[in-house]
PDB file of all heavy atoms in Angstrom:
ATOM      1  N   ASP A   1       0.812  10.990   8.098  1.00  0.00           N
ATOM      2  CA  ASP A   1      -0.312  11.408   7.259  1.00  0.00           C
ATOM      3  C   ASP A   1      -0.169  12.901   6.995  1.00  0.00           C
ATOM      4  O   ASP A   1      -0.411  13.728   7.878  1.00  0.00           O
ATOM      5  CB  ASP A   1      -1.628  11.090   7.969  1.00  0.00           C
ATOM      6  CG  ASP A   1      -2.850  11.400   7.115  1.00  0.00           C
ATOM      7  OD1 ASP A   1      -2.680  11.685   5.919  1.00  0.00           O
ATOM      8  OD2 ASP A   1      -3.975  11.353   7.654  1.00  0.00           O
ATOM      9  N   LEU A   2       0.240  13.244   5.779  1.00  0.00           N
ATOM     10  CA  LEU A   2       0.506  14.629   5.408  1.00  0.00           C
ATOM     11  C   LEU A   2      -0.742  15.267   4.795  1.00  0.00           C
ATOM     12  O   LEU A   2      -1.412  14.657   3.977  1.00  0.00           O
ATOM     13  CB  LEU A   2       1.669  14.684   4.420  1.00  0.00           C
ATOM     14  CG  LEU A   2       2.970  14.018   4.899  1.00  0.00           C
ATOM     15  CD1 LEU A   2       4.033  14.063   3.807  1.00  0.00           C
ATOM     16  CD2 LEU A   2       3.476  14.686   6.173  1.00  0.00           C
ATOM     17  N   PHE A   3      -1.022  16.509   5.203  1.00  0.00           N
ATOM     18  CA  PHE A   3      -2.272  17.196   4.857  1.00  0.00           C
ATOM     19  C   PHE A   3      -3.440  16.380   5.420  1.00  0.00           C
ATOM     20  O   PHE A   3      -4.394  16.044   4.725  1.00  0.00           O
ATOM     21  CB  PHE A   3      -2.418  17.366   3.341  1.00  0.00           C
ATOM     22  CG  PHE A   3      -1.292  18.120   2.689  1.00  0.00           C
ATOM     23  CD1 PHE A   3      -0.255  17.438   2.081  1.00  0.00           C
ATOM     24  CD2 PHE A   3      -1.272  19.514   2.673  1.00  0.00           C
ATOM     25  CE1 PHE A   3       0.792  18.118   1.465  1.00  0.00           C
ATOM     26  CE2 PHE A   3      -0.239  20.209   2.053  1.00  0.00           C
ATOM     27  CZ  PHE A   3       0.799  19.509   1.453  1.00  0.00           C
ATOM     28  N   SER A   4      -3.380  16.111   6.703  1.00  0.00           N
ATOM     29  CA  SER A   4      -4.290  15.144   7.333  1.00  0.00           C
ATOM     30  C   SER A   4      -5.704  15.647   7.516  1.00  0.00           C
ATOM     31  O   SER A   4      -6.624  14.850   7.713  1.00  0.00           O
ATOM     32  CB  SER A   4      -3.736  14.740   8.698  1.00  0.00           C
ATOM     33  OG  SER A   4      -3.779  15.841   9.593  1.00  0.00           O
ATOM     34  N   GLY A   5      -5.907  16.968   7.502  1.00  0.00           N
ATOM     35  CA  GLY A   5      -7.230  17.486   7.811  1.00  0.00           C
ATOM     36  C   GLY A   5      -7.639  17.087   9.215  1.00  0.00           C
ATOM     37  O   GLY A   5      -6.836  17.066  10.142  1.00  0.00           O
ATOM     38  N   SER A   6      -8.905  16.709   9.371  1.00  0.00           N
ATOM     39  CA  SER A   6      -9.427  16.343  10.686  1.00  0.00           C
ATOM     40  C   SER A   6      -9.305  14.854  10.977  1.00  0.00           C
ATOM     41  O   SER A   6      -9.856  14.376  11.971  1.00  0.00           O
ATOM     42  CB  SER A   6     -10.897  16.775  10.806  1.00  0.00           C
ATOM     43  OG  SER A   6     -11.008  18.182  10.771  1.00  0.00           O
ATOM     44  N   GLY A   7      -8.627  14.111  10.092  1.00  0.00           N
ATOM     45  CA  GLY A   7      -8.355  12.712  10.404  1.00  0.00           C
ATOM     46  C   GLY A   7      -9.025  11.687   9.514  1.00  0.00           C
ATOM     47  O   GLY A   7      -9.168  10.527   9.904  1.00  0.00           O
ATOM     48  N   THR A   8      -9.433  12.096   8.304  1.00  0.00           N
ATOM     49  CA  THR A   8     -10.102  11.171   7.383  1.00  0.00           C
ATOM     50  C   THR A   8      -9.343   9.860   7.245  1.00  0.00           C
ATOM     51  O   THR A   8      -9.941   8.780   7.296  1.00  0.00           O
ATOM     52  CB  THR A   8     -10.259  11.824   5.999  1.00  0.00           C
ATOM     53  OG1 THR A   8     -11.065  13.002   6.120  1.00  0.00           O
ATOM     54  CG2 THR A   8     -10.906  10.865   5.014  1.00  0.00           C
ATOM     55  N   PHE A   9      -8.029   9.942   7.061  1.00  0.00           N
ATOM     56  CA  PHE A   9      -7.204   8.737   6.947  1.00  0.00           C
ATOM     57  C   PHE A   9      -6.472   8.424   8.262  1.00  0.00           C
ATOM     58  O   PHE A   9      -6.252   7.265   8.596  1.00  0.00           O
ATOM     59  CB  PHE A   9      -6.183   8.888   5.818  1.00  0.00           C
ATOM     60  CG  PHE A   9      -6.801   9.146   4.473  1.00  0.00           C
ATOM     61  CD1 PHE A   9      -6.291  10.114   3.626  1.00  0.00           C
ATOM     62  CD2 PHE A   9      -7.907   8.425   4.046  1.00  0.00           C
ATOM     63  CE1 PHE A   9      -6.861  10.347   2.388  1.00  0.00           C
ATOM     64  CE2 PHE A   9      -8.486   8.649   2.811  1.00  0.00           C
ATOM     65  CZ  PHE A   9      -7.965   9.619   1.982  1.00  0.00           C
ATOM     66  N   THR A  10      -6.106   9.459   9.003  1.00  0.00           N
ATOM     67  CA  THR A  10      -5.334   9.268  10.231  1.00  0.00           C
ATOM     68  C   THR A  10      -6.011   8.284  11.178  1.00  0.00           C
ATOM     69  O   THR A  10      -5.380   7.338  11.680  1.00  0.00           O
ATOM     70  CB  THR A  10      -5.140  10.607  10.968  1.00  0.00           C
ATOM     71  OG1 THR A  10      -4.444  11.519  10.123  1.00  0.00           O
ATOM     72  CG2 THR A  10      -4.361  10.411  12.252  1.00  0.00           C
ATOM     73  N   LEU A  11      -7.279   8.504  11.425  1.00  0.00           N
ATOM     74  CA  LEU A  11      -7.954   7.714  12.458  1.00  0.00           C
ATOM     75  C   LEU A  11      -8.246   6.282  12.009  1.00  0.00           C
ATOM     76  O   LEU A  11      -8.040   5.348  12.797  1.00  0.00           O
ATOM     77  CB  LEU A  11      -9.202   8.453  12.929  1.00  0.00           C
ATOM     78  CG  LEU A  11      -8.812   9.746  13.674  1.00  0.00           C
ATOM     79  CD1 LEU A  11      -9.975  10.707  13.784  1.00  0.00           C
ATOM     80  CD2 LEU A  11      -8.234   9.433  15.046  1.00  0.00           C
ATOM     81  N   PRO A  12      -8.659   6.033  10.786  1.00  0.00           N
ATOM     82  CA  PRO A  12      -8.717   4.631  10.337  1.00  0.00           C
ATOM     83  C   PRO A  12      -7.343   3.962  10.351  1.00  0.00           C
ATOM     84  O   PRO A  12      -7.220   2.783  10.705  1.00  0.00           O
ATOM     85  CB  PRO A  12      -9.278   4.741   8.917  1.00  0.00           C
ATOM     86  CG  PRO A  12     -10.088   5.990   8.929  1.00  0.00           C
ATOM     87  CD  PRO A  12      -9.317   6.928   9.810  1.00  0.00           C
ATOM     88  N   LEU A  13      -6.288   4.705   9.982  1.00  0.00           N
ATOM     89  CA  LEU A  13      -4.932   4.156  10.027  1.00  0.00           C
ATOM     90  C   LEU A  13      -4.530   3.773  11.441  1.00  0.00           C
ATOM     91  O   LEU A  13      -3.790   2.803  11.658  1.00  0.00           O
ATOM     92  CB  LEU A  13      -3.938   5.188   9.474  1.00  0.00           C
ATOM     93  CG  LEU A  13      -3.866   5.344   7.959  1.00  0.00           C
ATOM     94  CD1 LEU A  13      -3.121   6.620   7.594  1.00  0.00           C
ATOM     95  CD2 LEU A  13      -3.194   4.141   7.312  1.00  0.00           C
ATOM     96  N   ALA A  14      -5.027   4.520  12.419  1.00  0.00           N
ATOM     97  CA  ALA A  14      -4.650   4.280  13.815  1.00  0.00           C
ATOM     98  C   ALA A  14      -5.174   2.955  14.352  1.00  0.00           C
ATOM     99  O   ALA A  14      -4.780   2.540  15.433  1.00  0.00           O
ATOM    100  CB  ALA A  14      -5.132   5.437  14.687  1.00  0.00           C
ATOM    101  N   SER A  15      -6.045   2.296  13.605  1.00  0.00           N
ATOM    102  CA  SER A  15      -6.450   0.941  13.989  1.00  0.00           C
ATOM    103  C   SER A  15      -5.358  -0.073  13.681  1.00  0.00           C
ATOM    104  O   SER A  15      -5.414  -1.212  14.154  1.00  0.00           O
ATOM    105  CB  SER A  15      -7.735   0.547  13.252  1.00  0.00           C
ATOM    106  OG  SER A  15      -8.836   1.288  13.722  1.00  0.00           O
ATOM    107  N   HIS A  16      -4.351   0.343  12.899  1.00  0.00           N
ATOM    108  CA  HIS A  16      -3.328  -0.582  12.430  1.00  0.00           C
ATOM    109  C   HIS A  16      -1.900  -0.172  12.795  1.00  0.00           C
ATOM    110  O   HIS A  16      -1.008  -1.009  12.814  1.00  0.00           O
ATOM    111  CB  HIS A  16      -3.411  -0.716  10.904  1.00  0.00           C
ATOM    112  CG  HIS A  16      -4.773  -1.099  10.410  1.00  0.00           C
ATOM    113  ND1 HIS A  16      -5.185  -2.397  10.294  1.00  0.00           N
ATOM    114  CD2 HIS A  16      -5.819  -0.323  10.010  1.00  0.00           C
ATOM    115  CE1 HIS A  16      -6.435  -2.424   9.835  1.00  0.00           C
ATOM    116  NE2 HIS A  16      -6.843  -1.185   9.656  1.00  0.00           N
ATOM    117  N   ALA A  17      -1.668   1.120  13.050  1.00  0.00           N
ATOM    118  CA  ALA A  17      -0.302   1.596  13.266  1.00  0.00           C
ATOM    119  C   ALA A  17      -0.305   2.890  14.055  1.00  0.00           C
ATOM    120  O   ALA A  17      -1.345   3.550  14.191  1.00  0.00           O
ATOM    121  CB  ALA A  17       0.391   1.810  11.914  1.00  0.00           C
ATOM    122  N   ASP A  18       0.860   3.272  14.569  1.00  0.00           N
ATOM    123  CA  ASP A  18       1.026   4.612  15.142  1.00  0.00           C
ATOM    124  C   ASP A  18       1.023   5.608  13.985  1.00  0.00           C
ATOM    125  O   ASP A  18       1.613   5.353  12.928  1.00  0.00           O
ATOM    126  CB  ASP A  18       2.348   4.717  15.888  1.00  0.00           C
ATOM    127  CG  ASP A  18       2.382   3.890  17.163  1.00  0.00           C
ATOM    128  OD1 ASP A  18       1.310   3.396  17.581  1.00  0.00           O
ATOM    129  OD2 ASP A  18       3.481   3.721  17.730  1.00  0.00           O
ATOM    130  N   VAL A  19       0.376   6.754  14.187  1.00  0.00           N
ATOM    131  CA  VAL A  19       0.241   7.734  13.105  1.00  0.00           C
ATOM    132  C   VAL A  19       0.627   9.120  13.601  1.00  0.00           C
ATOM    133  O   VAL A  19       0.251   9.527  14.706  1.00  0.00           O
ATOM    134  CB  VAL A  19      -1.199   7.777  12.551  1.00  0.00           C
ATOM    135  CG1 VAL A  19      -1.259   8.641  11.290  1.00  0.00           C
ATOM    136  CG2 VAL A  19      -1.721   6.378  12.246  1.00  0.00           C
ATOM    137  N   HIS A  20       1.367   9.846  12.759  1.00  0.00           N
ATOM    138  CA  HIS A  20       1.682  11.251  13.010  1.00  0.00           C
ATOM    139  C   HIS A  20       0.962  12.080  11.951  1.00  0.00           C
ATOM    140  O   HIS A  20       1.223  11.928  10.757  1.00  0.00           O
ATOM    141  CB  HIS A  20       3.188  11.490  12.944  1.00  0.00           C
ATOM    142  CG  HIS A  20       3.593  12.894  13.270  1.00  0.00           C
ATOM    143  ND1 HIS A  20       3.292  13.493  14.475  1.00  0.00           N
ATOM    144  CD2 HIS A  20       4.267  13.834  12.537  1.00  0.00           C
ATOM    145  CE1 HIS A  20       3.784  14.731  14.487  1.00  0.00           C
ATOM    146  NE2 HIS A  20       4.368  14.958  13.321  1.00  0.00           N
ATOM    147  N   ALA A  21       0.038  12.924  12.383  1.00  0.00           N
ATOM    148  CA  ALA A  21      -0.771  13.733  11.471  1.00  0.00           C
ATOM    149  C   ALA A  21      -0.186  15.139  11.365  1.00  0.00           C
ATOM    150  O   ALA A  21       0.106  15.769  12.381  1.00  0.00           O
ATOM    151  CB  ALA A  21      -2.208  13.801  11.966  1.00  0.00           C
ATOM    152  N   VAL A  22      -0.048  15.618  10.132  1.00  0.00           N
ATOM    153  CA  VAL A  22       0.503  16.955   9.888  1.00  0.00           C
ATOM    154  C   VAL A  22      -0.499  17.751   9.056  1.00  0.00           C
ATOM    155  O   VAL A  22      -0.947  17.295   7.995  1.00  0.00           O
ATOM    156  CB  VAL A  22       1.857  16.881   9.158  1.00  0.00           C
ATOM    157  CG1 VAL A  22       2.468  18.280   9.058  1.00  0.00           C
ATOM    158  CG2 VAL A  22       2.803  15.932   9.882  1.00  0.00           C
ATOM    159  N   GLU A  23      -0.843  18.941   9.542  1.00  0.00           N
ATOM    160  CA  GLU A  23      -1.876  19.765   8.915  1.00  0.00           C
ATOM    161  C   GLU A  23      -1.621  21.224   9.279  1.00  0.00           C
ATOM    162  O   GLU A  23      -1.119  21.514  10.369  1.00  0.00           O
ATOM    163  CB  GLU A  23      -3.262  19.307   9.407  1.00  0.00           C
ATOM    164  CG  GLU A  23      -4.415  20.238   9.152  1.00  0.00           C
ATOM    165  CD  GLU A  23      -4.676  20.477   7.677  1.00  0.00           C
ATOM    166  OE1 GLU A  23      -4.640  19.499   6.885  1.00  0.00           O
ATOM    167  OE2 GLU A  23      -4.897  21.647   7.307  1.00  0.00           O
ATOM    168  N   ALA A  24      -1.951  22.138   8.369  1.00  0.00           N
ATOM    169  CA  ALA A  24      -1.693  23.560   8.607  1.00  0.00           C
ATOM    170  C   ALA A  24      -2.737  24.215   9.506  1.00  0.00           C
ATOM    171  O   ALA A  24      -2.457  25.222  10.152  1.00  0.00           O
ATOM    172  CB  ALA A  24      -1.618  24.311   7.278  1.00  0.00           C
TER     173      ALA A  24
END
């Protein structure tokens, strides 16, 4: 998840897959 912020998509995605979040 690129430009992930605080996890808007990362955390819902984590219900389905392993996720690597990248944010500045």
